[in-house]
PDB file of N, CA and C in Angstrom:
ATOM      1  N   MET A   1    -111.021-175.106 -41.742  1.00  0.00           N
ATOM      2  CA  MET A   1    -110.412-174.476 -40.583  1.00  0.00           C
ATOM      3  C   MET A   1    -109.014-175.048 -40.386  1.00  0.00           C
ATOM      4  N   ALA A   2    -108.049-174.209 -40.097  1.00  0.00           N
ATOM      5  CA  ALA A   2    -106.664-174.636 -39.923  1.00  0.00           C
ATOM      6  C   ALA A   2    -106.507-175.444 -38.643  1.00  0.00           C
ATOM      7  N   ASP A   3    -105.565-176.357 -38.653  1.00  0.00           N
ATOM      8  CA  ASP A   3    -105.255-177.157 -37.475  1.00  0.00           C
ATOM      9  C   ASP A   3    -104.483-176.265 -36.504  1.00  0.00           C
ATOM     10  N   ARG A   4    -105.139-175.820 -35.429  1.00  0.00           N
ATOM     11  CA  ARG A   4    -104.538-174.873 -34.483  1.00  0.00           C
ATOM     12  C   ARG A   4    -103.386-175.486 -33.698  1.00  0.00           C
ATOM     13  N   ARG A   5    -103.316-176.815 -33.617  1.00  0.00           N
ATOM     14  CA  ARG A   5    -102.207-177.436 -32.903  1.00  0.00           C
ATOM     15  C   ARG A   5    -100.904-177.219 -33.634  1.00  0.00           C
ATOM     16  N   ARG A   6    -100.969-176.952 -34.933  1.00  0.00           N
ATOM     17  CA  ARG A   6     -99.772-176.760 -35.739  1.00  0.00           C
ATOM     18  C   ARG A   6     -99.596-175.312 -36.173  1.00  0.00           C
ATOM     19  N   ALA A   7    -100.324-174.414 -35.556  1.00  0.00           N
ATOM     20  CA  ALA A   7    -100.219-173.000 -35.910  1.00  0.00           C
ATOM     21  C   ALA A   7     -98.797-172.524 -35.686  1.00  0.00           C
ATOM     22  N   GLN A   8     -98.304-171.774 -36.647  1.00  0.00           N
ATOM     23  CA  GLN A   8     -96.953-171.235 -36.557  1.00  0.00           C
ATOM     24  C   GLN A   8     -97.032-169.717 -36.512  1.00  0.00           C
ATOM     25  N   LEU A   9     -96.304-169.123 -35.627  1.00  0.00           N
ATOM     26  CA  LEU A   9     -96.273-167.686 -35.486  1.00  0.00           C
ATOM     27  C   LEU A   9     -95.182-167.137 -36.383  1.00  0.00           C
ATOM     28  N   ASP A  10     -95.544-166.263 -37.300  1.00  0.00           N
ATOM     29  CA  ASP A  10     -94.575-165.587 -38.162  1.00  0.00           C
ATOM     30  C   ASP A  10     -94.136-164.334 -37.406  1.00  0.00           C
ATOM     31  N   LEU A  11     -93.025-164.444 -36.700  1.00  0.00           N
ATOM     32  CA  LEU A  11     -92.570-163.361 -35.837  1.00  0.00           C
ATOM     33  C   LEU A  11     -92.252-162.099 -36.621  1.00  0.00           C
ATOM     34  N   ALA A  12     -91.647-162.227 -37.794  1.00  0.00           N
ATOM     35  CA  ALA A  12     -91.328-161.042 -38.602  1.00  0.00           C
ATOM     36  C   ALA A  12     -92.602-160.298 -38.994  1.00  0.00           C
ATOM     37  N   GLU A  13     -93.631-161.040 -39.394  1.00  0.00           N
ATOM     38  CA  GLU A  13     -94.917-160.431 -39.765  1.00  0.00           C
ATOM     39  C   GLU A  13     -95.556-159.759 -38.558  1.00  0.00           C
ATOM     40  N   LEU A  14     -95.495-160.428 -37.412  1.00  0.00           N
ATOM     41  CA  LEU A  14     -96.065-159.878 -36.188  1.00  0.00           C
ATOM     42  C   LEU A  14     -95.363-158.581 -35.800  1.00  0.00           C
ATOM     43  N   LEU A  15     -94.037-158.587 -35.806  1.00  0.00           N
ATOM     44  CA  LEU A  15     -93.290-157.387 -35.432  1.00  0.00           C
ATOM     45  C   LEU A  15     -93.552-156.236 -36.391  1.00  0.00           C
ATOM     46  N   MET A  16     -93.674-156.537 -37.673  1.00  0.00           N
ATOM     47  CA  MET A  16     -93.954-155.504 -38.661  1.00  0.00           C
ATOM     48  C   MET A  16     -95.337-154.886 -38.414  1.00  0.00           C
ATOM     49  N   ALA A  17     -96.326-155.734 -38.115  1.00  0.00           N
ATOM     50  CA  ALA A  17     -97.678-155.241 -37.852  1.00  0.00           C
ATOM     51  C   ALA A  17     -97.689-154.336 -36.624  1.00  0.00           C
ATOM     52  N   VAL A  18     -96.978-154.724 -35.583  1.00  0.00           N
ATOM     53  CA  VAL A  18     -96.919-153.922 -34.357  1.00  0.00           C
ATOM     54  C   VAL A  18     -96.179-152.612 -34.609  1.00  0.00           C
ATOM     55  N   GLU A  19     -95.062-152.665 -35.333  1.00  0.00           N
ATOM     56  CA  GLU A  19     -94.293-151.455 -35.621  1.00  0.00           C
ATOM     57  C   GLU A  19     -95.072-150.479 -36.498  1.00  0.00           C
ATOM     58  N   ASN A  20     -95.922-150.994 -37.393  1.00  0.00           N
ATOM     59  CA  ASN A  20     -96.698-150.135 -38.285  1.00  0.00           C
ATOM     60  C   ASN A  20     -97.954-149.568 -37.632  1.00  0.00           C
ATOM     61  N   ALA A  21     -98.306-150.079 -36.470  1.00  0.00           N
ATOM     62  CA  ALA A  21     -99.497-149.609 -35.764  1.00  0.00           C
ATOM     63  C   ALA A  21     -99.174-148.325 -35.003  1.00  0.00           C
ATOM     64  N   PRO A  22    -100.171-147.479 -34.815  1.00  0.00           N
ATOM     65  CA  PRO A  22     -99.959-146.322 -33.942  1.00  0.00           C
ATOM     66  C   PRO A  22     -99.602-146.830 -32.539  1.00  0.00           C
ATOM     67  N   PRO A  23     -98.774-146.103 -31.798  1.00  0.00           N
ATOM     68  CA  PRO A  23     -98.356-146.574 -30.465  1.00  0.00           C
ATOM     69  C   PRO A  23     -99.502-146.981 -29.550  1.00  0.00           C
ATOM     70  N   VAL A  24    -100.610-146.252 -29.573  1.00  0.00           N
ATOM     71  CA  VAL A  24    -101.730-146.587 -28.687  1.00  0.00           C
ATOM     72  C   VAL A  24    -102.454-147.849 -29.128  1.00  0.00           C
ATOM     73  N   ALA A  25    -102.209-148.327 -30.344  1.00  0.00           N
ATOM     74  CA  ALA A  25    -102.878-149.529 -30.848  1.00  0.00           C
ATOM     75  C   ALA A  25    -101.965-150.742 -30.886  1.00  0.00           C
ATOM     76  N   ALA A  26    -100.701-150.584 -30.526  1.00  0.00           N
ATOM     77  CA  ALA A  26     -99.728-151.678 -30.649  1.00  0.00           C
ATOM     78  C   ALA A  26    -100.146-152.928 -29.874  1.00  0.00           C
ATOM     79  N   ALA A  27    -100.601-152.767 -28.641  1.00  0.00           N
ATOM     80  CA  ALA A  27    -101.009-153.935 -27.842  1.00  0.00           C
ATOM     81  C   ALA A  27    -102.228-154.614 -28.456  1.00  0.00           C
ATOM     82  N   ASP A  28    -103.157-153.833 -28.983  1.00  0.00           N
ATOM     83  CA  ASP A  28    -104.342-154.407 -29.615  1.00  0.00           C
ATOM     84  C   ASP A  28    -103.972-155.173 -30.884  1.00  0.00           C
ATOM     85  N   VAL A  29    -103.084-154.615 -31.686  1.00  0.00           N
ATOM     86  CA  VAL A  29    -102.642-155.282 -32.915  1.00  0.00           C
ATOM     87  C   VAL A  29    -101.952-156.596 -32.568  1.00  0.00           C
ATOM     88  N   LEU A  30    -101.102-156.576 -31.553  1.00  0.00           N
ATOM     89  CA  LEU A  30    -100.420-157.790 -31.112  1.00  0.00           C
ATOM     90  C   LEU A  30    -101.425-158.838 -30.658  1.00  0.00           C
ATOM     91  N   GLY A  31    -102.385-158.446 -29.838  1.00  0.00           N
ATOM     92  CA  GLY A  31    -103.402-159.373 -29.347  1.00  0.00           C
ATOM     93  C   GLY A  31    -104.245-159.956 -30.463  1.00  0.00           C
ATOM     94  N   GLU A  32    -104.662-159.120 -31.405  1.00  0.00           N
ATOM     95  CA  GLU A  32    -105.475-159.593 -32.531  1.00  0.00           C
ATOM     96  C   GLU A  32    -104.703-160.589 -33.387  1.00  0.00           C
ATOM     97  N   HIS A  33    -103.428-160.299 -33.618  1.00  0.00           N
ATOM     98  CA  HIS A  33    -102.598-161.198 -34.432  1.00  0.00           C
ATOM     99  C   HIS A  33    -102.426-162.553 -33.740  1.00  0.00           C
ATOM    100  N   LEU A  34    -102.157-162.534 -32.445  1.00  0.00           N
ATOM    101  CA  LEU A  34    -102.002-163.779 -31.696  1.00  0.00           C
ATOM    102  C   LEU A  34    -103.309-164.566 -31.660  1.00  0.00           C
ATOM    103  N   ALA A  35    -104.432-163.887 -31.469  1.00  0.00           N
ATOM    104  CA  ALA A  35    -105.735-164.561 -31.444  1.00  0.00           C
ATOM    105  C   ALA A  35    -106.017-165.235 -32.778  1.00  0.00           C
ATOM    106  N   GLU A  36    -105.734-164.530 -33.872  1.00  0.00           N
ATOM    107  CA  GLU A  36    -105.970-165.091 -35.199  1.00  0.00           C
ATOM    108  C   GLU A  36    -105.053-166.286 -35.463  1.00  0.00           C
ATOM    109  N   THR A  37    -103.791-166.156 -35.116  1.00  0.00           N
ATOM    110  CA  THR A  37    -102.830-167.231 -35.366  1.00  0.00           C
ATOM    111  C   THR A  37    -103.174-168.496 -34.602  1.00  0.00           C
ATOM    112  N   PHE A  38    -103.572-168.350 -33.348  1.00  0.00           N
ATOM    113  CA  PHE A  38    -103.786-169.518 -32.488  1.00  0.00           C
ATOM    114  C   PHE A  38    -105.253-169.863 -32.269  1.00  0.00           C
ATOM    115  N   GLY A  39    -106.155-169.128 -32.892  1.00  0.00           N
ATOM    116  CA  GLY A  39    -107.573-169.428 -32.765  1.00  0.00           C
ATOM    117  C   GLY A  39    -108.125-169.122 -31.387  1.00  0.00           C
ATOM    118  N   ALA A  40    -107.543-168.158 -30.714  1.00  0.00           N
ATOM    119  CA  ALA A  40    -107.998-167.796 -29.374  1.00  0.00           C
ATOM    120  C   ALA A  40    -109.229-166.905 -29.458  1.00  0.00           C
ATOM    121  N   SER A  41    -110.134-167.056 -28.513  1.00  0.00           N
ATOM    122  CA  SER A  41    -111.306-166.201 -28.488  1.00  0.00           C
ATOM    123  C   SER A  41    -110.985-164.853 -27.846  1.00  0.00           C
ATOM    124  N   LYS A  42    -109.914-164.811 -27.037  1.00  0.00           N
ATOM    125  CA  LYS A  42    -109.537-163.574 -26.359  1.00  0.00           C
ATOM    126  C   LYS A  42    -108.050-163.631 -26.018  1.00  0.00           C
ATOM    127  N   VAL A  43    -107.374-162.519 -26.172  1.00  0.00           N
ATOM    128  CA  VAL A  43    -105.974-162.406 -25.778  1.00  0.00           C
ATOM    129  C   VAL A  43    -105.839-161.142 -24.936  1.00  0.00           C
ATOM    130  N   SER A  44    -105.189-161.261 -23.800  1.00  0.00           N
ATOM    131  CA  SER A  44    -104.920-160.111 -22.943  1.00  0.00           C
ATOM    132  C   SER A  44    -103.419-160.002 -22.754  1.00  0.00           C
ATOM    133  N   LEU A  45    -102.932-158.790 -22.782  1.00  0.00           N
ATOM    134  CA  LEU A  45    -101.520-158.539 -22.518  1.00  0.00           C
ATOM    135  C   LEU A  45    -101.432-157.803 -21.193  1.00  0.00           C
ATOM    136  N   LEU A  46    -100.604-158.337 -20.306  1.00  0.00           N
ATOM    137  CA  LEU A  46    -100.485-157.767 -18.978  1.00  0.00           C
ATOM    138  C   LEU A  46     -99.047-157.337 -18.738  1.00  0.00           C
ATOM    139  N   VAL A  47     -98.869-156.230 -18.034  1.00  0.00           N
ATOM    140  CA  VAL A  47     -97.558-155.679 -17.742  1.00  0.00           C
ATOM    141  C   VAL A  47     -97.361-155.714 -16.231  1.00  0.00           C
ATOM    142  N   ALA A  48     -96.176-156.134 -15.791  1.00  0.00           N
ATOM    143  CA  ALA A  48     -95.897-156.182 -14.356  1.00  0.00           C
ATOM    144  C   ALA A  48     -95.864-154.760 -13.794  1.00  0.00           C
ATOM    145  N   ASP A  49     -96.514-154.572 -12.641  1.00  0.00           N
ATOM    146  CA  ASP A  49     -96.454-153.254 -12.014  1.00  0.00           C
ATOM    147  C   ASP A  49     -95.182-153.161 -11.178  1.00  0.00           C
ATOM    148  N   LEU A  50     -94.859-151.996 -10.706  1.00  0.00           N
ATOM    149  CA  LEU A  50     -93.599-151.787  -9.988  1.00  0.00           C
ATOM    150  C   LEU A  50     -93.561-152.440  -8.618  1.00  0.00           C
ATOM    151  N   SER A  51     -94.723-152.786  -8.052  1.00  0.00           N
ATOM    152  CA  SER A  51     -94.747-153.397  -6.724  1.00  0.00           C
ATOM    153  C   SER A  51     -94.302-154.855  -6.763  1.00  0.00           C
ATOM    154  N   GLY A  52     -94.438-155.501  -7.930  1.00  0.00           N
ATOM    155  CA  GLY A  52     -94.103-156.914  -8.032  1.00  0.00           C
ATOM    156  C   GLY A  52     -95.193-157.827  -7.504  1.00  0.00           C
ATOM    157  N   ARG A  53     -96.348-157.262  -7.124  1.00  0.00           N
ATOM    158  CA  ARG A  53     -97.437-158.064  -6.566  1.00  0.00           C
ATOM    159  C   ARG A  53     -98.616-158.207  -7.506  1.00  0.00           C
ATOM    160  N   ALA A  54     -98.555-157.545  -8.652  1.00  0.00           N
ATOM    161  CA  ALA A  54     -99.696-157.587  -9.561  1.00  0.00           C
ATOM    162  C   ALA A  54     -99.254-157.341 -10.995  1.00  0.00           C
ATOM    163  N   LEU A  55    -100.154-157.686 -11.904  1.00  0.00           N
ATOM    164  CA  LEU A  55     -99.993-157.359 -13.312  1.00  0.00           C
ATOM    165  C   LEU A  55    -101.090-156.361 -13.651  1.00  0.00           C
ATOM    166  N   ILE A  56    -100.877-155.586 -14.678  1.00  0.00           N
ATOM    167  CA  ILE A  56    -101.879-154.628 -15.132  1.00  0.00           C
ATOM    168  C   ILE A  56    -102.292-155.012 -16.540  1.00  0.00           C
ATOM    169  N   ARG A  57    -103.597-155.278 -16.712  1.00  0.00           N
ATOM    170  CA  ARG A  57    -104.148-155.603 -18.029  1.00  0.00           C
ATOM    171  C   ARG A  57    -104.571-154.298 -18.682  1.00  0.00           C
ATOM    172  N   LEU A  58    -103.893-153.946 -19.770  1.00  0.00           N
ATOM    173  CA  LEU A  58    -104.197-152.719 -20.491  1.00  0.00           C
ATOM    174  C   LEU A  58    -105.118-153.040 -21.648  1.00  0.00           C
ATOM    175  N   GLY A  59    -106.027-152.155 -21.955  1.00  0.00           N
ATOM    176  CA  GLY A  59    -106.905-152.412 -23.080  1.00  0.00           C
ATOM    177  C   GLY A  59    -107.805-151.263 -23.442  1.00  0.00           C
ATOM    178  N   HIS A  60    -108.651-151.534 -24.411  1.00  0.00           N
ATOM    179  CA  HIS A  60    -109.637-150.568 -24.888  1.00  0.00           C
ATOM    180  C   HIS A  60    -111.032-151.169 -24.830  1.00  0.00           C
ATOM    181  N   ALA A  61    -111.162-152.299 -24.177  1.00  0.00           N
ATOM    182  CA  ALA A  61    -112.423-153.038 -24.183  1.00  0.00           C
ATOM    183  C   ALA A  61    -113.419-152.421 -23.216  1.00  0.00           C
ATOM    184  N   THR A  62    -114.457-153.193 -22.940  1.00  0.00           N
ATOM    185  CA  THR A  62    -115.480-152.731 -22.010  1.00  0.00           C
ATOM    186  C   THR A  62    -114.865-152.471 -20.651  1.00  0.00           C
ATOM    187  N   ARG A  63    -115.470-151.576 -19.951  1.00  0.00           N
ATOM    188  CA  ARG A  63    -114.945-151.210 -18.636  1.00  0.00           C
ATOM    189  C   ARG A  63    -115.257-152.311 -17.610  1.00  0.00           C
ATOM    190  N   HIS A  64    -114.299-152.553 -16.746  1.00  0.00           N
ATOM    191  CA  HIS A  64    -114.463-153.496 -15.644  1.00  0.00           C
ATOM    192  C   HIS A  64    -114.591-152.687 -14.366  1.00  0.00           C
ATOM    193  N   GLU A  65    -115.302-153.230 -13.397  1.00  0.00           N
ATOM    194  CA  GLU A  65    -115.462-152.510 -12.125  1.00  0.00           C
ATOM    195  C   GLU A  65    -114.130-152.203 -11.468  1.00  0.00           C
ATOM    196  N   ASP A  66    -113.171-153.138 -11.570  1.00  0.00           N
ATOM    197  CA  ASP A  66    -111.883-152.972 -10.915  1.00  0.00           C
ATOM    198  C   ASP A  66    -110.867-152.214 -11.759  1.00  0.00           C
ATOM    199  N   ALA A  67    -111.255-151.795 -12.953  1.00  0.00           N
ATOM    200  CA  ALA A  67    -110.315-151.160 -13.869  1.00  0.00           C
ATOM    201  C   ALA A  67    -110.317-149.646 -13.704  1.00  0.00           C
ATOM    202  N   ARG A  68    -109.128-149.083 -13.811  1.00  0.00           N
ATOM    203  CA  ARG A  68    -109.017-147.628 -13.896  1.00  0.00           C
ATOM    204  C   ARG A  68    -109.221-147.262 -15.358  1.00  0.00           C
ATOM    205  N   THR A  69    -109.821-146.145 -15.609  1.00  0.00           N
ATOM    206  CA  THR A  69    -110.080-145.752 -16.993  1.00  0.00           C
ATOM    207  C   THR A  69    -109.610-144.334 -17.248  1.00  0.00           C
ATOM    208  N   GLN A  70    -109.272-144.092 -18.494  1.00  0.00           N
ATOM    209  CA  GLN A  70    -108.974-142.744 -18.980  1.00  0.00           C
ATOM    210  C   GLN A  70    -109.468-142.727 -20.418  1.00  0.00           C
ATOM    211  N   GLY A  71    -110.604-142.124 -20.632  1.00  0.00           N
ATOM    212  CA  GLY A  71    -111.232-142.201 -21.948  1.00  0.00           C
ATOM    213  C   GLY A  71    -111.613-143.644 -22.227  1.00  0.00           C
ATOM    214  N   ARG A  72    -111.167-144.190 -23.357  1.00  0.00           N
ATOM    215  CA  ARG A  72    -111.438-145.584 -23.707  1.00  0.00           C
ATOM    216  C   ARG A  72    -110.387-146.530 -23.131  1.00  0.00           C
ATOM    217  N   GLU A  73    -109.301-145.986 -22.603  1.00  0.00           N
ATOM    218  CA  GLU A  73    -108.215-146.807 -22.080  1.00  0.00           C
ATOM    219  C   GLU A  73    -108.599-147.394 -20.728  1.00  0.00           C
ATOM    220  N   THR A  74    -108.286-148.676 -20.527  1.00  0.00           N
ATOM    221  CA  THR A  74    -108.549-149.318 -19.240  1.00  0.00           C
ATOM    222  C   THR A  74    -107.270-149.922 -18.689  1.00  0.00           C
ATOM    223  N   ALA A  75    -107.181-149.996 -17.383  1.00  0.00           N
ATOM    224  CA  ALA A  75    -106.058-150.631 -16.703  1.00  0.00           C
ATOM    225  C   ALA A  75    -106.629-151.425 -15.531  1.00  0.00           C
ATOM    226  N   GLU A  76    -106.645-152.740 -15.669  1.00  0.00           N
ATOM    227  CA  GLU A  76    -107.212-153.618 -14.645  1.00  0.00           C
ATOM    228  C   GLU A  76    -106.080-154.301 -13.884  1.00  0.00           C
ATOM    229  N   ARG A  77    -106.121-154.223 -12.561  1.00  0.00           N
ATOM    230  CA  ARG A  77    -105.103-154.858 -11.714  1.00  0.00           C
ATOM    231  C   ARG A  77    -105.426-156.341 -11.569  1.00  0.00           C
ATOM    232  N   VAL A  78    -104.422-157.207 -11.832  1.00  0.00           N
ATOM    233  CA  VAL A  78    -104.576-158.661 -11.719  1.00  0.00           C
ATOM    234  C   VAL A  78    -103.552-159.150 -10.696  1.00  0.00           C
ATOM    235  N   PRO A  79    -104.001-159.676  -9.538  1.00  0.00           N
ATOM    236  CA  PRO A  79    -103.065-160.135  -8.514  1.00  0.00           C
ATOM    237  C   PRO A  79    -102.211-161.307  -8.988  1.00  0.00           C
ATOM    238  N   LEU A  80    -101.024-161.440  -8.422  1.00  0.00           N
ATOM    239  CA  LEU A  80    -100.120-162.539  -8.769  1.00  0.00           C
ATOM    240  C   LEU A  80    -100.188-163.688  -7.774  1.00  0.00           C
ATOM    241  N   THR A  81    -100.296-163.386  -6.502  1.00  0.00           N
ATOM    242  CA  THR A  81    -100.252-164.401  -5.460  1.00  0.00           C
ATOM    243  C   THR A  81    -101.371-165.424  -5.618  1.00  0.00           C
ATOM    244  N   GLY A  82    -100.979-166.692  -5.714  1.00  0.00           N
ATOM    245  CA  GLY A  82    -101.948-167.781  -5.785  1.00  0.00           C
ATOM    246  C   GLY A  82    -102.677-167.899  -7.107  1.00  0.00           C
ATOM    247  N   THR A  83    -102.151-167.291  -8.172  1.00  0.00           N
ATOM    248  CA  THR A  83    -102.824-167.346  -9.470  1.00  0.00           C
ATOM    249  C   THR A  83    -101.928-167.992 -10.530  1.00  0.00           C
ATOM    250  N   SER A  84    -102.553-168.454 -11.591  1.00  0.00           N
ATOM    251  CA  SER A  84    -101.788-169.002 -12.713  1.00  0.00           C
ATOM    252  C   SER A  84    -100.920-167.930 -13.349  1.00  0.00           C
ATOM    253  N   HIS A  85    -101.391-166.676 -13.319  1.00  0.00           N
ATOM    254  CA  HIS A  85    -100.580-165.565 -13.820  1.00  0.00           C
ATOM    255  C   HIS A  85     -99.260-165.516 -13.055  1.00  0.00           C
ATOM    256  N   GLY A  86     -99.367-165.605 -11.731  1.00  0.00           N
ATOM    257  CA  GLY A  86     -98.189-165.536 -10.874  1.00  0.00           C
ATOM    258  C   GLY A  86     -97.246-166.703 -11.069  1.00  0.00           C
ATOM    259  N   VAL A  87     -97.797-167.914 -11.208  1.00  0.00           N
ATOM    260  CA  VAL A  87     -96.971-169.106 -11.435  1.00  0.00           C
ATOM    261  C   VAL A  87     -96.196-168.977 -12.742  1.00  0.00           C
ATOM    262  N   ALA A  88     -96.879-168.544 -13.809  1.00  0.00           N
ATOM    263  CA  ALA A  88     -96.226-168.397 -15.116  1.00  0.00           C
ATOM    264  C   ALA A  88     -95.111-167.366 -15.054  1.00  0.00           C
ATOM    265  N   LEU A  89     -95.366-166.242 -14.400  1.00  0.00           N
ATOM    266  CA  LEU A  89     -94.359-165.190 -14.323  1.00  0.00           C
ATOM    267  C   LEU A  89     -93.168-165.614 -13.466  1.00  0.00           C
ATOM    268  N   ALA A  90     -93.444-166.192 -12.300  1.00  0.00           N
ATOM    269  CA  ALA A  90     -92.364-166.596 -11.390  1.00  0.00           C
ATOM    270  C   ALA A  90     -91.511-167.725 -11.956  1.00  0.00           C
ATOM    271  N   SER A  91     -92.164-168.682 -12.617  1.00  0.00           N
ATOM    272  CA  SER A  91     -91.422-169.836 -13.142  1.00  0.00           C
ATOM    273  C   SER A  91     -90.878-169.595 -14.544  1.00  0.00           C
ATOM    274  N   GLN A  92     -91.324-168.506 -15.179  1.00  0.00           N
ATOM    275  CA  GLN A  92     -90.964-168.208 -16.558  1.00  0.00           C
ATOM    276  C   GLN A  92     -91.247-169.403 -17.469  1.00  0.00           C
ATOM    277  N   SER A  93     -92.424-169.993 -17.244  1.00  0.00           N
ATOM    278  CA  SER A  93     -92.864-171.112 -18.071  1.00  0.00           C
ATOM    279  C   SER A  93     -94.349-170.961 -18.386  1.00  0.00           C
ATOM    280  N   VAL A  94     -94.782-171.635 -19.445  1.00  0.00           N
ATOM    281  CA  VAL A  94     -96.181-171.583 -19.853  1.00  0.00           C
ATOM    282  C   VAL A  94     -97.025-172.410 -18.891  1.00  0.00           C
ATOM    283  N   VAL A  95     -98.151-171.869 -18.473  1.00  0.00           N
ATOM    284  CA  VAL A  95     -99.099-172.554 -17.601  1.00  0.00           C
ATOM    285  C   VAL A  95    -100.417-172.646 -18.365  1.00  0.00           C
ATOM    286  N   VAL A  96    -101.008-173.856 -18.403  1.00  0.00           N
ATOM    287  CA  VAL A  96    -102.281-174.067 -19.094  1.00  0.00           C
ATOM    288  C   VAL A  96    -103.313-174.528 -18.076  1.00  0.00           C
ATOM    289  N   ASP A  97    -104.410-173.778 -17.982  1.00  0.00           N
ATOM    290  CA  ASP A  97    -105.543-174.155 -17.140  1.00  0.00           C
ATOM    291  C   ASP A  97    -106.659-174.623 -18.062  1.00  0.00           C
ATOM    292  N   GLY A  98    -107.064-175.889 -17.945  1.00  0.00           N
ATOM    293  CA  GLY A  98    -108.161-176.413 -18.756  1.00  0.00           C
ATOM    294  C   GLY A  98    -109.482-176.229 -18.044  1.00  0.00           C
ATOM    295  N   GLY A  99    -110.525-176.034 -18.820  1.00  0.00           N
ATOM    296  CA  GLY A  99    -111.850-175.863 -18.239  1.00  0.00           C
ATOM    297  C   GLY A  99    -112.922-176.312 -19.205  1.00  0.00           C
ATOM    298  N   VAL A 100    -114.166-176.276 -18.753  1.00  0.00           N
ATOM    299  CA  VAL A 100    -115.296-176.694 -19.565  1.00  0.00           C
ATOM    300  C   VAL A 100    -115.446-175.804 -20.797  1.00  0.00           C
ATOM    301  N   LYS A 101    -115.213-174.515 -20.649  1.00  0.00           N
ATOM    302  CA  LYS A 101    -115.371-173.573 -21.752  1.00  0.00           C
ATOM    303  C   LYS A 101    -114.133-173.468 -22.629  1.00  0.00           C
ATOM    304  N   GLY A 102    -113.074-174.198 -22.305  1.00  0.00           N
ATOM    305  CA  GLY A 102    -111.829-174.127 -23.071  1.00  0.00           C
ATOM    306  C   GLY A 102    -110.651-173.962 -22.141  1.00  0.00           C
ATOM    307  N   SER A 103    -109.511-173.750 -22.710  1.00  0.00           N
ATOM    308  CA  SER A 103    -108.288-173.607 -21.925  1.00  0.00           C
ATOM    309  C   SER A 103    -107.839-172.158 -21.869  1.00  0.00           C
ATOM    310  N   ARG A 104    -107.141-171.847 -20.801  1.00  0.00           N
ATOM    311  CA  ARG A 104    -106.491-170.542 -20.670  1.00  0.00           C
ATOM    312  C   ARG A 104    -104.997-170.809 -20.623  1.00  0.00           C
ATOM    313  N   VAL A 105    -104.259-170.075 -21.424  1.00  0.00           N
ATOM    314  CA  VAL A 105    -102.811-170.231 -21.511  1.00  0.00           C
ATOM    315  C   VAL A 105    -102.167-168.963 -20.979  1.00  0.00           C
ATOM    316  N   PHE A 106    -101.249-169.131 -20.052  1.00  0.00           N
ATOM    317  CA  PHE A 106    -100.518-168.014 -19.465  1.00  0.00           C
ATOM    318  C   PHE A 106     -99.067-168.156 -19.909  1.00  0.00           C
ATOM    319  N   ALA A 107     -98.620-167.254 -20.755  1.00  0.00           N
ATOM    320  CA  ALA A 107     -97.269-167.342 -21.311  1.00  0.00           C
ATOM    321  C   ALA A 107     -96.486-166.093 -20.952  1.00  0.00           C
ATOM    322  N   PRO A 108     -95.412-166.234 -20.195  1.00  0.00           N
ATOM    323  CA  PRO A 108     -94.629-165.065 -19.804  1.00  0.00           C
ATOM    324  C   PRO A 108     -93.821-164.525 -20.982  1.00  0.00           C
ATOM    325  N   VAL A 109     -93.668-163.229 -20.986  1.00  0.00           N
ATOM    326  CA  VAL A 109     -92.847-162.542 -21.988  1.00  0.00           C
ATOM    327  C   VAL A 109     -91.830-161.728 -21.210  1.00  0.00           C
ATOM    328  N   THR A 110     -90.587-161.782 -21.617  1.00  0.00           N
ATOM    329  CA  THR A 110     -89.569-161.022 -20.897  1.00  0.00           C
ATOM    330  C   THR A 110     -88.961-159.956 -21.788  1.00  0.00           C
ATOM    331  N   ASN A 111     -88.424-158.946 -21.142  1.00  0.00           N
ATOM    332  CA  ASN A 111     -87.729-157.876 -21.818  1.00  0.00           C
ATOM    333  C   ASN A 111     -86.299-157.872 -21.297  1.00  0.00           C
ATOM    334  N   ARG A 112     -85.385-158.339 -22.149  1.00  0.00           N
ATOM    335  CA  ARG A 112     -83.959-158.380 -21.772  1.00  0.00           C
ATOM    336  C   ARG A 112     -83.721-159.183 -20.499  1.00  0.00           C
ATOM    337  N   GLY A 113     -84.426-160.316 -20.400  1.00  0.00           N
ATOM    338  CA  GLY A 113     -84.193-161.216 -19.283  1.00  0.00           C
ATOM    339  C   GLY A 113     -84.977-160.906 -18.035  1.00  0.00           C
ATOM    340  N   ARG A 114     -85.696-159.804 -18.015  1.00  0.00           N
ATOM    341  CA  ARG A 114     -86.487-159.462 -16.834  1.00  0.00           C
ATOM    342  C   ARG A 114     -87.944-159.751 -17.120  1.00  0.00           C
ATOM    343  N   PRO A 115     -88.662-160.413 -16.199  1.00  0.00           N
ATOM    344  CA  PRO A 115     -90.093-160.644 -16.415  1.00  0.00           C
ATOM    345  C   PRO A 115     -90.805-159.312 -16.564  1.00  0.00           C
ATOM    346  N   SER A 116     -91.604-159.192 -17.635  1.00  0.00           N
ATOM    347  CA  SER A 116     -92.281-157.906 -17.819  1.00  0.00           C
ATOM    348  C   SER A 116     -93.750-158.041 -18.161  1.00  0.00           C
ATOM    349  N   ALA A 117     -94.202-159.181 -18.638  1.00  0.00           N
ATOM    350  CA  ALA A 117     -95.613-159.274 -19.013  1.00  0.00           C
ATOM    351  C   ALA A 117     -96.055-160.725 -19.062  1.00  0.00           C
ATOM    352  N   CYS A 118     -97.351-160.908 -19.073  1.00  0.00           N
ATOM    353  CA  CYS A 118     -97.936-162.241 -19.173  1.00  0.00           C
ATOM    354  C   CYS A 118     -99.261-162.084 -19.877  1.00  0.00           C
ATOM    355  N   SER A 119     -99.631-163.032 -20.726  1.00  0.00           N
ATOM    356  CA  SER A 119    -100.909-162.946 -21.410  1.00  0.00           C
ATOM    357  C   SER A 119    -101.845-164.029 -20.939  1.00  0.00           C
ATOM    358  N   SER A 120    -103.118-163.692 -20.972  1.00  0.00           N
ATOM    359  CA  SER A 120    -104.115-164.701 -20.635  1.00  0.00           C
ATOM    360  C   SER A 120    -105.300-164.552 -21.513  1.00  0.00           C
TER     361      SER A 120
END
């Protein structure tokens, strides 16, 4: 098993995989690549909503009670106030929450300098 502390992200390979994916699968391809690279059991990509008070977790996974659905597509609202998601987005820094079952890493991603997404 590879030493995950030294995992290196090949950004060119990642971008190529995302660009070659169908548009509806791009987020899934990105999540799968990140999970494989860093040994994560789950990767979620969240997009800031227009209100500035929540993130939206997009996916194709199992339906959640709080998620809106359209076919297999899901959109789950994740509040920002008082959460690690919110701290990571507001501070534009990585936040790590450790727990008994493992750690959760919240890493903000920006688009042209504007906060636009966070993963957990």
